[in-house]
Amino acid sequence: MAFELASPNHVHASRVAPAALVDLAPFEIRDEAPSDLAAREALLDDAFGPVRFLKTCQRLRDGSAPAPGLALVATDGVGALIGTLRLWPVLAGGRAALLLGPLAVAARSRSLGVGGALIRESLVRAADFGHRAVLLVGDAPYYARFGFERRFTERLTMPGPVERARFLGVELVDGALSAARGRVVPAAAPAITLPQAA
């Protein structure tokens, strides 16, 4: 498998015992719930402003639902939402893949490793669910640590302008993107009902 989590730093906060969470980081990763919507939108507004709705990646998300089980949030010790990440089903040159984003972390929590934990958890879940590849548009030096590389997207195009150096991919299964050529387009995800908060 192309995607590995061999480093001891690759910890999935939602997969460790609650007692260990205190030692690792003051946050928890869980599935997004309907009650998170307002806080999630406020966090995205703070991180990106209204320009987020004009980005090329947004064209691939409009009218779609995130991939089932791949809408995640991070919350702090009192339950406040401090991070969000979703993965979206797409077709990459006819090959099934996921699109990562947007990833946002509250300014006060950016030194805690929240973004990295959300990415690692989402990639492990995606692999567990049988997904084969993930694409994104982002800063290569940051995402390289998670296995994202430019070489996986060289023969793919987005449905609007992107900086080619920021268009990255990772294979969760070796060869998943080797024959992928053409445009990235939305792939419908089945509508899901998120669990109601207790």
Protein backbone atom coordinates (compact mmCIF):
# COMPACT_ATOMS: atom_id res chain seq x y z
CA MET A 1 0.00 0.00 0.00
CA ALA A 2 1.37 3.40 -0.96
CA PHE A 3 0.08 5.21 2.11
CA GLU A 4 1.76 4.35 5.39
CA LEU A 5 1.68 5.71 8.90
CA ALA A 6 4.92 4.34 10.24
CA SER A 7 6.08 7.37 12.22
CA PRO A 8 5.32 7.42 15.95
CA ASN A 9 4.15 11.01 15.46
CA HIS A 10 1.23 9.78 13.36
CA VAL A 11 -1.35 9.53 16.12
CA HIS A 12 -5.09 9.39 15.55
CA ALA A 13 -6.67 11.17 18.47
CA SER A 14 -10.02 9.47 17.96
CA ARG A 15 -8.43 6.00 18.09
CA VAL A 16 -6.64 6.19 21.42
CA ALA A 17 -7.90 5.70 24.93
CA PRO A 18 -9.39 8.85 26.49
CA ALA A 19 -6.71 8.86 29.22
CA ALA A 20 -3.99 9.02 26.57
CA LEU A 21 -5.62 12.00 24.88
CA VAL A 22 -4.47 14.27 27.68
CA ASP A 23 -0.86 13.27 27.03
CA LEU A 24 -1.08 13.65 23.25
CA ALA A 25 -3.01 16.85 22.62
CA PRO A 26 -5.84 18.89 24.14
CA PHE A 27 -8.29 18.08 21.38
CA GLU A 28 -10.46 15.26 20.07
CA ILE A 29 -11.35 14.28 16.50
CA ARG A 30 -14.86 13.05 15.79
CA ASP A 31 -17.46 12.83 13.04
CA GLU A 32 -19.11 16.10 12.08
CA ALA A 33 -22.65 16.46 13.44
CA PRO A 34 -25.53 18.69 12.26
CA SER A 35 -25.07 20.82 15.39
CA ASP A 36 -21.54 21.71 14.16
CA LEU A 37 -22.78 23.59 11.09
CA ALA A 38 -22.79 27.15 12.45
CA ALA A 39 -19.42 26.80 14.18
CA ARG A 40 -17.93 25.12 11.11
CA GLU A 41 -19.08 27.91 8.78
CA ALA A 42 -17.77 30.56 11.18
CA LEU A 43 -14.41 28.81 11.33
CA LEU A 44 -14.21 28.64 7.52
CA ASP A 45 -15.18 32.31 7.25
CA ASP A 46 -12.42 33.26 9.70
CA ALA A 47 -9.86 31.14 7.88
CA PHE A 48 -10.67 31.98 4.25
CA GLY A 49 -13.25 34.77 4.10
CA PRO A 50 -15.89 34.97 1.37
CA VAL A 51 -13.30 34.24 -1.34
CA ARG A 52 -13.59 30.56 -0.38
CA PHE A 53 -16.80 30.33 -2.40
CA LEU A 54 -14.95 31.42 -5.56
CA LYS A 55 -12.20 28.79 -5.46
CA THR A 56 -11.99 26.13 -8.16
CA CYS A 57 -12.27 23.33 -5.58
CA GLN A 58 -15.61 24.75 -4.50
CA ARG A 59 -16.98 23.92 -7.97
CA LEU A 60 -16.33 20.28 -7.19
CA ARG A 61 -18.14 20.53 -3.85
CA ASP A 62 -21.21 22.55 -4.84
CA GLY A 63 -24.33 20.42 -4.78
CA SER A 64 -22.47 17.40 -3.37
CA ALA A 65 -22.27 15.75 0.00
CA PRO A 66 -18.98 14.80 1.65
CA ALA A 67 -17.99 11.17 1.32
CA PRO A 68 -19.73 9.12 4.04
CA GLY A 69 -17.67 8.96 7.23
CA LEU A 70 -15.20 11.55 5.95
CA ALA A 71 -16.54 14.80 7.40
CA LEU A 72 -14.47 15.38 10.53
CA VAL A 73 -14.14 18.02 13.20
CA ALA A 74 -11.74 18.64 16.06
CA THR A 75 -12.98 19.95 19.37
CA ASP A 76 -11.08 21.33 22.34
CA GLY A 77 -11.30 20.24 25.97
CA VAL A 78 -14.62 22.05 26.49
CA GLY A 79 -16.18 20.83 23.25
CA ALA A 80 -15.67 23.97 21.13
CA LEU A 81 -15.04 23.30 17.45
CA ILE A 82 -11.42 24.16 16.57
CA GLY A 83 -10.89 22.28 13.30
CA THR A 84 -12.76 20.97 10.27
CA LEU A 85 -11.93 18.78 7.30
CA ARG A 86 -14.08 17.07 4.68
CA LEU A 87 -13.29 14.71 1.81
CA TRP A 88 -15.47 14.73 -1.30
CA PRO A 89 -16.01 12.06 -3.97
CA VAL A 90 -14.64 13.00 -7.39
CA LEU A 91 -13.67 11.33 -10.63
CA ALA A 92 -10.07 12.03 -11.60
CA GLY A 93 -9.80 11.36 -15.31
CA GLY A 94 -12.45 8.69 -14.89
CA ARG A 95 -10.85 7.17 -11.79
CA ALA A 96 -12.65 7.31 -8.43
CA ALA A 97 -10.84 9.52 -5.94
CA LEU A 98 -11.48 11.95 -3.10
CA LEU A 99 -10.90 15.70 -2.89
CA LEU A 100 -9.57 16.92 0.45
CA GLY A 101 -10.72 20.25 1.79
CA PRO A 102 -11.33 22.70 3.03
CA LEU A 103 -9.09 22.19 6.05
CA ALA A 104 -9.34 24.93 8.66
CA VAL A 105 -8.06 25.27 12.21
CA ALA A 106 -8.94 28.02 14.67
CA ALA A 107 -6.12 30.56 15.00
CA ARG A 108 -5.72 29.91 18.72
CA SER A 109 -5.18 26.17 18.08
CA ARG A 110 -2.79 26.17 15.12
CA SER A 111 0.25 25.09 17.15
CA LEU A 112 -1.41 21.99 18.56
CA GLY A 113 -1.13 19.71 15.52
CA VAL A 114 -4.87 19.77 14.85
CA GLY A 115 -4.54 20.08 11.07
CA GLY A 116 -2.08 17.22 10.82
CA ALA A 117 -4.21 15.00 13.04
CA LEU A 118 -7.30 15.71 10.92
CA ILE A 119 -5.41 14.87 7.72
CA ARG A 120 -3.94 11.65 9.09
CA GLU A 121 -7.28 10.50 10.48
CA SER A 122 -9.06 11.28 7.21
CA LEU A 123 -6.49 9.36 5.15
CA VAL A 124 -6.62 6.31 7.42
CA ARG A 125 -10.42 6.32 7.31
CA ALA A 126 -10.43 6.77 3.54
CA ALA A 127 -8.14 3.76 3.14
CA ASP A 128 -10.24 1.74 5.59
CA PHE A 129 -13.36 2.57 3.55
CA GLY A 130 -11.71 1.32 0.36
CA HIS A 131 -10.90 4.63 -1.31
CA ARG A 132 -7.83 4.53 -3.52
CA ALA A 133 -6.55 8.10 -3.94
CA VAL A 134 -6.92 11.64 -2.58
CA LEU A 135 -6.38 14.97 -4.38
CA LEU A 136 -6.07 18.51 -3.06
CA VAL A 137 -4.95 22.02 -3.88
CA GLY A 138 -2.59 23.27 -1.19
CA ASP A 139 0.94 24.10 -0.12
CA ALA A 140 3.25 21.30 -1.25
CA PRO A 141 5.78 21.67 1.61
CA TYR A 142 3.01 21.22 4.20
CA TYR A 143 1.20 18.32 2.52
CA ALA A 144 4.35 16.42 1.48
CA ARG A 145 4.66 15.02 5.01
CA PHE A 146 1.39 13.14 4.42
CA GLY A 147 2.57 11.67 1.10
CA PHE A 148 1.01 14.20 -1.29
CA GLU A 149 3.04 14.79 -4.45
CA ARG A 150 2.72 16.73 -7.68
CA ARG A 151 3.58 13.70 -9.83
CA PHE A 152 0.20 12.11 -9.15
CA THR A 153 -1.71 14.97 -10.80
CA GLU A 154 0.51 15.77 -13.79
CA ARG A 155 -2.01 14.42 -16.31
CA LEU A 156 -5.09 15.77 -14.56
CA THR A 157 -6.84 19.13 -14.89
CA MET A 158 -9.22 20.96 -12.61
CA PRO A 159 -12.49 22.62 -13.72
CA GLY A 160 -10.96 26.08 -13.31
CA PRO A 161 -7.66 27.82 -12.63
CA VAL A 162 -5.25 26.39 -10.05
CA GLU A 163 -1.53 26.78 -9.51
CA ARG A 164 -0.11 23.56 -10.92
CA ALA A 165 2.52 23.34 -8.18
CA ARG A 166 -0.28 23.27 -5.59
CA PHE A 167 -2.35 20.54 -7.29
CA LEU A 168 -1.28 17.39 -5.40
CA GLY A 169 -2.33 13.80 -4.90
CA VAL A 170 -1.58 10.72 -2.86
CA GLU A 171 -2.28 7.09 -3.72
CA LEU A 172 -3.79 5.05 -0.90
CA VAL A 173 -3.37 2.02 -3.17
CA ASP A 174 -0.30 1.72 -5.39
CA GLY A 175 -1.06 2.66 -8.99
CA ALA A 176 -4.48 4.15 -8.24
CA LEU A 177 -3.69 7.28 -10.28
CA SER A 178 -1.17 5.82 -12.72
CA ALA A 179 -3.57 5.83 -15.67
CA ALA A 180 -5.63 8.84 -14.58
CA ARG A 181 -5.79 11.43 -17.35
CA GLY A 182 -8.26 14.24 -17.95
CA ARG A 183 -10.50 16.47 -15.92
CA VAL A 184 -11.44 16.15 -12.27
CA VAL A 185 -15.23 16.24 -11.95
CA PRO A 186 -17.71 15.72 -9.09
CA ALA A 187 -18.89 12.21 -8.33
CA ALA A 188 -22.16 12.04 -6.47
CA ALA A 189 -22.00 10.76 -2.92
CA PRO A 190 -25.12 9.16 -1.48
CA ALA A 191 -26.93 11.58 0.76
CA ILE A 192 -26.25 10.79 4.41
CA THR A 193 -27.99 11.85 7.56
CA LEU A 194 -25.54 12.84 10.25
CA PRO A 195 -26.39 11.58 13.73
CA GLN A 196 -28.21 14.03 15.97
CA ALA A 197 -26.41 15.26 19.05
CA ALA A 198 -27.66 13.62 22.25
